[in-house]
Amino acid sequence: MPGPKTHDIFYKELKNHLSNKTLNSFPNYDDYRLFAQGHDFLIYHNFYKIWNQKLLDRNIENSILLQENSFPQFVYNYLNIANNSGAIEEEQVRLFIGPGYVMHHLLDAYIHPFIIYLAGDHTRDCSRDTWYHGIAENLIDIYLMENKEKKDPKLYPVYKDFKMTHVLSSFLIETLDKSLYNTYRIVDGGDSFERAIFQTEWFMKLLKYDPSGIKMKLFDALDSKLKGTSSFSYHRDSTDVFEYLNLEHKIWYNPMDDSIVSNESFFDLYDKALKEGSYIVDELESICYHGQIKKDDIFSLIPNISSSHGLECGKKLVIKNRKK
């Protein structure tokens, strides 16, 4: 991630950066904002089955597999399969891969190194006192809801923003199923995504929506043992977010490579992703429109970067630089 609301807001703002030609081909763009959750759907898949840790661990492993490996190859496989089957004609199929999946991956690739450096971790690490990365992303969600959407995160029924009201195309599920298997050897991936798309609303209602603040107290009480539950509940004070925004433009380092130095703020990175990502979405839609899915075109357009650390896909890297 960034958090689910950050991706949701990003998807809506992306619309203002796309060409009229692209928007004309996406008349139902607003109806599919849920697609902005990208590979995080695998984390939401059957999230409530807390008694089956093996299943939940496999979901996380598969999500990380997508985050860190073969990004351009997956996009090519998806589009090539869709083109050969005729699925590429469907708006759902193209919205999922462009404004949805690709833009989710790119926003992660821009933001994750920044958050990892400031928070000091990425995935949950039981050797640390809590999961700072998740807490930071939760606070950013809250801050963006307050400042971009003018909503009160403590009271707003946020789960309504994650309700899928349309039947998913069988073409979309079949395309996902084949492309996930061809790229990552993930079996029944289309079914997992389909279930997760409809389970995300429940995830948001159970773990984020907290008008009374009772869940927040429960999650914080459990955090010392479970290391991460304080990343749940939107019933929190957004002023704690400022250490994770870098509005002062202080120097920070790529957490895996200290030769990469920046003073960009969260919003600098967010805006960069909007600008550069909208170009990619426009170009992808143009490629789909002409029906010529060539590997060289896709690989020259889609950067070969991991969404975990923003560096080249396929590299197994460890955190070397952290502020916290």
Protein backbone atom coordinates (compact mmCIF):
# COMPACT_ATOMS: atom_id res chain seq x y z
CA MET A 1 0.00 0.00 0.00
CA PRO A 2 -0.36 3.36 0.70
CA GLY A 3 -3.63 2.95 2.55
CA PRO A 4 -6.93 2.12 0.85
CA LYS A 5 -8.32 5.67 1.05
CA THR A 6 -5.13 7.19 -0.36
CA HIS A 7 -5.42 4.93 -3.41
CA ASP A 8 -9.14 5.68 -3.66
CA ILE A 9 -8.57 9.45 -3.61
CA PHE A 10 -5.68 9.12 -6.06
CA TYR A 11 -7.93 7.25 -8.53
CA LYS A 12 -10.48 10.06 -8.40
CA GLU A 13 -7.85 12.77 -8.86
CA LEU A 14 -6.23 10.89 -11.72
CA LYS A 15 -9.36 11.53 -13.76
CA ASN A 16 -8.48 15.24 -13.92
CA HIS A 17 -5.10 14.40 -15.48
CA LEU A 18 -6.27 12.05 -18.23
CA SER A 19 -6.84 13.14 -21.83
CA ASN A 20 -10.35 13.70 -23.14
CA LYS A 21 -9.82 10.81 -25.55
CA THR A 22 -9.11 8.44 -22.67
CA LEU A 23 -12.03 9.71 -20.60
CA ASN A 24 -14.41 9.34 -23.56
CA SER A 25 -13.49 5.64 -23.66
CA PHE A 26 -14.22 5.31 -19.93
CA PRO A 27 -17.80 6.60 -19.50
CA ASN A 28 -18.18 4.57 -16.27
CA TYR A 29 -14.82 5.56 -14.77
CA ASP A 30 -16.28 6.68 -11.43
CA ASP A 31 -18.12 3.39 -10.91
CA TYR A 32 -14.88 1.39 -10.69
CA ARG A 33 -12.85 3.33 -8.14
CA LEU A 34 -12.50 0.10 -6.17
CA PHE A 35 -10.09 -1.15 -8.86
CA ALA A 36 -7.56 1.33 -7.41
CA GLN A 37 -6.72 -1.25 -4.71
CA GLY A 38 -4.64 -3.19 -7.26
CA HIS A 39 -2.55 -6.06 -5.88
CA ASP A 40 -3.71 -5.20 -2.33
CA PHE A 41 -6.86 -7.16 -3.15
CA LEU A 42 -4.88 -10.30 -2.39
CA ILE A 43 -4.36 -9.02 1.16
CA TYR A 44 -8.08 -8.37 1.59
CA HIS A 45 -9.02 -11.80 0.23
CA ASN A 46 -10.60 -13.76 3.10
CA PHE A 47 -8.92 -11.38 5.58
CA TYR A 48 -11.46 -12.33 8.26
CA LYS A 49 -10.31 -15.97 8.41
CA ILE A 50 -7.99 -15.27 11.33
CA TRP A 51 -8.09 -18.94 12.31
CA ASN A 52 -6.30 -19.87 9.08
CA GLN A 53 -2.91 -18.21 9.38
CA LYS A 54 -1.51 -20.37 6.57
CA LEU A 55 -4.11 -18.96 4.17
CA LEU A 56 -3.49 -15.37 5.25
CA ASP A 57 0.28 -15.81 4.96
CA ARG A 58 -0.14 -17.17 1.43
CA ASN A 59 -2.25 -14.14 0.48
CA ILE A 60 0.49 -11.82 1.73
CA GLU A 61 3.17 -13.84 -0.06
CA ASN A 62 1.24 -13.64 -3.34
CA SER A 63 0.71 -9.91 -2.93
CA ILE A 64 4.44 -9.36 -2.33
CA LEU A 65 5.17 -11.55 -5.37
CA LEU A 66 3.14 -9.13 -7.51
CA GLN A 67 4.66 -6.10 -5.84
CA GLU A 68 8.27 -7.06 -6.38
CA ASN A 69 8.42 -9.11 -9.57
CA SER A 70 7.68 -8.95 -13.31
CA PHE A 71 5.54 -5.81 -13.34
CA PRO A 72 5.88 -5.08 -17.11
CA GLN A 73 5.54 -8.78 -17.93
CA PHE A 74 2.28 -9.06 -16.01
CA VAL A 75 0.83 -5.99 -17.73
CA TYR A 76 1.84 -7.39 -21.12
CA ASN A 77 0.44 -10.86 -20.36
CA TYR A 78 -2.83 -9.36 -19.14
CA LEU A 79 -3.30 -7.16 -22.22
CA ASN A 80 -2.18 -9.83 -24.66
CA ILE A 81 -4.59 -12.38 -23.20
CA ALA A 82 -7.40 -9.82 -23.18
CA ASN A 83 -6.69 -8.85 -26.77
CA ASN A 84 -6.66 -12.44 -28.01
CA SER A 85 -9.95 -13.26 -26.24
CA GLY A 86 -11.73 -10.04 -27.17
CA ALA A 87 -11.96 -9.03 -23.50
CA ILE A 88 -9.99 -5.88 -24.25
CA GLU A 89 -13.15 -4.38 -25.76
CA GLU A 90 -14.71 -4.22 -22.30
CA GLU A 91 -14.31 -1.02 -20.30
CA GLN A 92 -14.02 -2.98 -17.03
CA VAL A 93 -11.03 -4.92 -18.33
CA ARG A 94 -9.11 -1.79 -19.37
CA LEU A 95 -10.07 0.22 -16.27
CA PHE A 96 -8.78 -2.54 -14.04
CA ILE A 97 -5.32 -2.67 -15.59
CA GLY A 98 -4.71 1.03 -16.32
CA PRO A 99 -6.22 3.47 -13.80
CA GLY A 100 -6.52 0.59 -11.36
CA TYR A 101 -3.64 -1.88 -11.19
CA VAL A 102 -0.87 0.06 -12.96
CA MET A 103 -1.55 3.29 -11.10
CA HIS A 104 -1.73 1.47 -7.76
CA HIS A 105 1.67 -0.07 -8.43
CA LEU A 106 3.21 3.23 -9.50
CA LEU A 107 1.88 5.21 -6.55
CA ASP A 108 3.29 2.54 -4.24
CA ALA A 109 6.65 2.67 -6.02
CA TYR A 110 6.87 6.44 -5.49
CA ILE A 111 5.58 6.52 -1.91
CA HIS A 112 6.90 3.31 -0.34
CA PRO A 113 10.61 4.24 -0.17
CA PHE A 114 9.62 7.52 1.50
CA ILE A 115 7.37 5.84 4.08
CA ILE A 116 9.79 2.96 4.71
CA TYR A 117 12.61 5.40 5.46
CA LEU A 118 10.52 7.57 7.78
CA ALA A 119 8.68 4.69 9.50
CA GLY A 120 11.65 2.33 9.57
CA ASP A 121 9.78 -0.76 8.38
CA HIS A 122 7.69 -2.13 5.52
CA THR A 123 5.94 -5.36 6.44
CA ARG A 124 5.16 -6.25 10.06
CA ASP A 125 8.31 -6.94 12.07
CA CYS A 126 7.72 -8.55 15.46
CA SER A 127 11.15 -7.43 16.65
CA ARG A 128 9.90 -3.82 16.67
CA ASP A 129 7.47 -2.36 19.17
CA THR A 130 4.77 -1.77 16.55
CA TRP A 131 4.17 -1.60 12.79
CA TYR A 132 5.03 2.04 12.08
CA HIS A 133 4.55 1.72 8.31
CA GLY A 134 0.90 0.72 8.72
CA ILE A 135 0.32 3.45 11.29
CA ALA A 136 1.82 6.07 8.96
CA GLU A 137 -0.36 5.01 6.04
CA ASN A 138 -3.46 4.98 8.22
CA LEU A 139 -2.73 8.54 9.37
CA ILE A 140 -2.17 9.68 5.78
CA ASP A 141 -5.55 8.18 4.83
CA ILE A 142 -7.15 10.19 7.62
CA TYR A 143 -5.34 13.40 6.67
CA LEU A 144 -6.33 13.11 2.98
CA MET A 145 -9.96 12.42 3.86
CA GLU A 146 -10.03 15.56 5.99
CA ASN A 147 -8.16 17.83 3.60
CA LYS A 148 -9.02 16.59 0.12
CA GLU A 149 -12.51 15.19 0.61
CA LYS A 150 -13.58 17.41 3.55
CA LYS A 151 -14.92 14.39 5.41
CA ASP A 152 -14.67 13.55 9.10
CA PRO A 153 -12.90 10.15 9.15
CA LYS A 154 -14.18 9.44 12.64
CA LEU A 155 -17.83 9.62 11.57
CA TYR A 156 -17.97 9.17 7.80
CA PRO A 157 -19.17 5.66 6.78
CA VAL A 158 -16.03 5.06 4.74
CA TYR A 159 -16.98 1.51 3.79
CA LYS A 160 -19.57 2.96 1.38
CA ASP A 161 -16.68 4.19 -0.78
CA PHE A 162 -15.61 0.57 -1.25
CA LYS A 163 -18.87 -0.99 -2.33
CA MET A 164 -18.83 -2.66 -5.74
CA THR A 165 -22.29 -2.21 -7.17
CA HIS A 166 -21.66 -3.86 -10.55
CA VAL A 167 -21.42 -7.48 -11.58
CA LEU A 168 -17.85 -8.21 -12.59
CA SER A 169 -17.30 -9.29 -16.15
CA SER A 170 -16.42 -12.95 -16.63
CA PHE A 171 -13.89 -11.72 -19.19
CA LEU A 172 -12.13 -9.71 -16.47
CA ILE A 173 -11.94 -12.67 -14.08
CA GLU A 174 -10.73 -15.05 -16.82
CA THR A 175 -8.10 -12.55 -17.97
CA LEU A 176 -6.83 -12.12 -14.42
CA ASP A 177 -6.85 -15.86 -13.86
CA LYS A 178 -4.72 -16.60 -16.93
CA SER A 179 -2.33 -13.66 -16.62
CA LEU A 180 -1.65 -14.30 -12.92
CA TYR A 181 -0.91 -17.92 -13.66
CA ASN A 182 1.22 -17.23 -16.74
CA THR A 183 3.28 -14.61 -14.89
CA TYR A 184 3.45 -15.85 -11.31
CA ARG A 185 2.00 -19.38 -11.37
CA ILE A 186 -0.75 -18.23 -9.03
CA VAL A 187 -3.65 -20.67 -9.30
CA ASP A 188 -7.26 -19.39 -9.26
CA GLY A 189 -6.01 -15.80 -8.98
CA GLY A 190 -9.03 -14.45 -10.81
CA ASP A 191 -11.36 -16.02 -8.27
CA SER A 192 -9.26 -14.58 -5.42
CA PHE A 193 -9.46 -11.09 -6.89
CA GLU A 194 -13.19 -11.40 -7.51
CA ARG A 195 -13.90 -12.43 -3.93
CA ALA A 196 -11.62 -9.74 -2.53
CA ILE A 197 -13.24 -7.00 -4.59
CA PHE A 198 -16.51 -7.70 -2.82
CA GLN A 199 -14.85 -8.32 0.58
CA THR A 200 -13.02 -4.98 0.68
CA GLU A 201 -16.15 -3.13 1.80
CA TRP A 202 -16.39 -5.51 4.76
CA PHE A 203 -12.68 -4.98 5.58
CA MET A 204 -13.24 -1.22 5.72
CA LYS A 205 -16.37 -1.55 7.85
CA LEU A 206 -14.85 -3.93 10.38
CA LEU A 207 -11.36 -2.46 10.72
CA LYS A 208 -11.44 1.20 9.66
CA TYR A 209 -14.94 2.57 10.33
CA ASP A 210 -15.07 3.42 14.04
CA PRO A 211 -17.52 6.23 14.91
CA SER A 212 -17.48 5.50 18.65
CA GLY A 213 -13.71 5.02 18.99
CA ILE A 214 -14.21 1.69 20.78
CA LYS A 215 -12.36 -0.23 18.07
CA MET A 216 -9.41 2.14 18.35
CA LYS A 217 -9.07 1.38 22.09
CA LEU A 218 -9.34 -2.36 21.43
CA PHE A 219 -6.80 -2.29 18.58
CA ASP A 220 -4.33 -0.27 20.65
CA ALA A 221 -4.71 -2.65 23.57
CA LEU A 222 -3.91 -5.59 21.29
CA ASP A 223 -1.03 -3.89 19.48
CA SER A 224 1.75 -4.81 21.91
CA LYS A 225 1.00 -8.48 21.29
CA LEU A 226 -0.09 -8.47 17.62
CA LYS A 227 2.23 -5.67 16.41
CA GLY A 228 0.07 -3.89 13.87
CA THR A 229 -3.48 -3.46 15.08
CA SER A 230 -2.83 0.22 15.81
CA SER A 231 -2.78 0.67 12.04
CA PHE A 232 -6.57 0.13 12.09
CA SER A 233 -9.43 2.52 12.92
CA TYR A 234 -9.89 5.97 11.40
CA HIS A 235 -10.91 7.34 14.81
CA ARG A 236 -7.55 9.04 15.30
CA ASP A 237 -6.00 12.50 15.43
CA SER A 238 -4.51 13.39 12.05
CA THR A 239 -2.00 15.84 13.58
CA ASP A 240 0.23 12.82 14.26
CA VAL A 241 0.72 12.51 10.51
CA PHE A 242 3.07 15.46 10.01
CA GLU A 243 6.27 13.52 10.71
CA TYR A 244 5.32 11.35 7.71
CA LEU A 245 4.63 14.18 5.24
CA ASN A 246 8.02 15.96 5.21
CA LEU A 247 6.47 19.35 4.52
CA GLU A 248 9.80 20.91 5.58
CA HIS A 249 11.54 19.11 2.69
CA LYS A 250 14.24 17.54 4.84
CA ILE A 251 16.73 15.14 3.29
CA TRP A 252 15.80 11.46 3.25
CA TYR A 253 17.38 8.36 1.70
CA ASN A 254 16.07 5.43 -0.25
CA PRO A 255 15.85 2.81 2.50
CA MET A 256 17.59 0.16 0.37
CA ASP A 257 20.15 2.38 -1.41
CA ASP A 258 21.67 5.40 0.35
CA SER A 259 23.10 6.70 -2.93
CA ILE A 260 19.53 7.79 -3.76
CA VAL A 261 18.81 10.99 -1.84
CA SER A 262 15.74 13.23 -1.94
CA ASN A 263 14.09 16.10 -0.10
CA GLU A 264 10.66 15.53 -1.67
CA SER A 265 7.55 15.64 0.48
CA PHE A 266 4.71 13.14 0.38
CA PHE A 267 2.75 15.53 -1.83
CA ASP A 268 5.67 16.02 -4.23
CA LEU A 269 5.76 12.27 -4.76
CA TYR A 270 1.97 11.99 -4.99
CA ASP A 271 1.78 14.73 -7.64
CA LYS A 272 4.68 13.19 -9.58
CA ALA A 273 2.81 9.88 -9.69
CA LEU A 274 -0.30 11.67 -10.98
CA LYS A 275 1.61 13.44 -13.73
CA GLU A 276 3.81 10.58 -14.93
CA GLY A 277 1.17 7.91 -14.35
CA SER A 278 -1.53 9.71 -16.34
CA TYR A 279 0.78 9.68 -19.35
CA ILE A 280 1.14 5.91 -19.02
CA VAL A 281 -2.62 5.39 -18.72
CA ASP A 282 -3.26 7.54 -21.81
CA GLU A 283 -0.65 5.60 -23.78
CA LEU A 284 -1.99 2.23 -22.61
CA GLU A 285 -5.50 3.19 -23.68
CA SER A 286 -4.19 4.26 -27.07
CA ILE A 287 -2.41 0.91 -27.48
CA CYS A 288 -5.59 -0.95 -26.54
CA TYR A 289 -7.65 1.18 -28.94
CA HIS A 290 -5.44 0.24 -31.89
CA GLY A 291 -5.45 -3.43 -30.87
CA GLN A 292 -1.72 -3.96 -31.32
CA ILE A 293 -0.35 -5.39 -28.07
CA LYS A 294 3.38 -5.59 -28.71
CA LYS A 295 5.74 -6.65 -25.96
CA ASP A 296 8.35 -4.02 -26.83
CA ASP A 297 5.72 -1.25 -26.61
CA ILE A 298 4.52 -2.38 -23.19
CA PHE A 299 8.01 -2.89 -21.80
CA SER A 300 9.13 0.54 -22.98
CA LEU A 301 6.08 2.14 -21.37
CA ILE A 302 5.75 0.25 -18.05
CA PRO A 303 8.78 0.80 -15.77
CA ASN A 304 10.41 -2.34 -14.43
CA ILE A 305 10.17 -1.20 -10.81
CA SER A 306 9.04 -2.88 -7.64
CA SER A 307 6.21 -1.23 -5.78
CA SER A 308 7.87 -2.22 -2.50
CA HIS A 309 11.03 -0.13 -2.85
CA GLY A 310 10.85 1.70 -6.19
CA LEU A 311 13.96 -0.05 -7.51
CA GLU A 312 14.34 -2.72 -10.17
CA CYS A 313 11.95 -5.68 -10.03
CA GLY A 314 13.26 -9.02 -8.85
CA LYS A 315 15.90 -7.72 -6.46
CA LYS A 316 15.84 -9.05 -2.91
CA LEU A 317 16.77 -6.01 -0.86
CA VAL A 318 16.86 -5.25 2.85
CA ILE A 319 16.30 -2.00 4.71
CA LYS A 320 19.64 -0.26 5.33
CA ASN A 321 18.52 3.30 5.99
CA ARG A 322 15.75 4.34 8.34
CA LYS A 323 14.95 7.45 10.30
CA LYS A 324 12.90 5.77 13.05
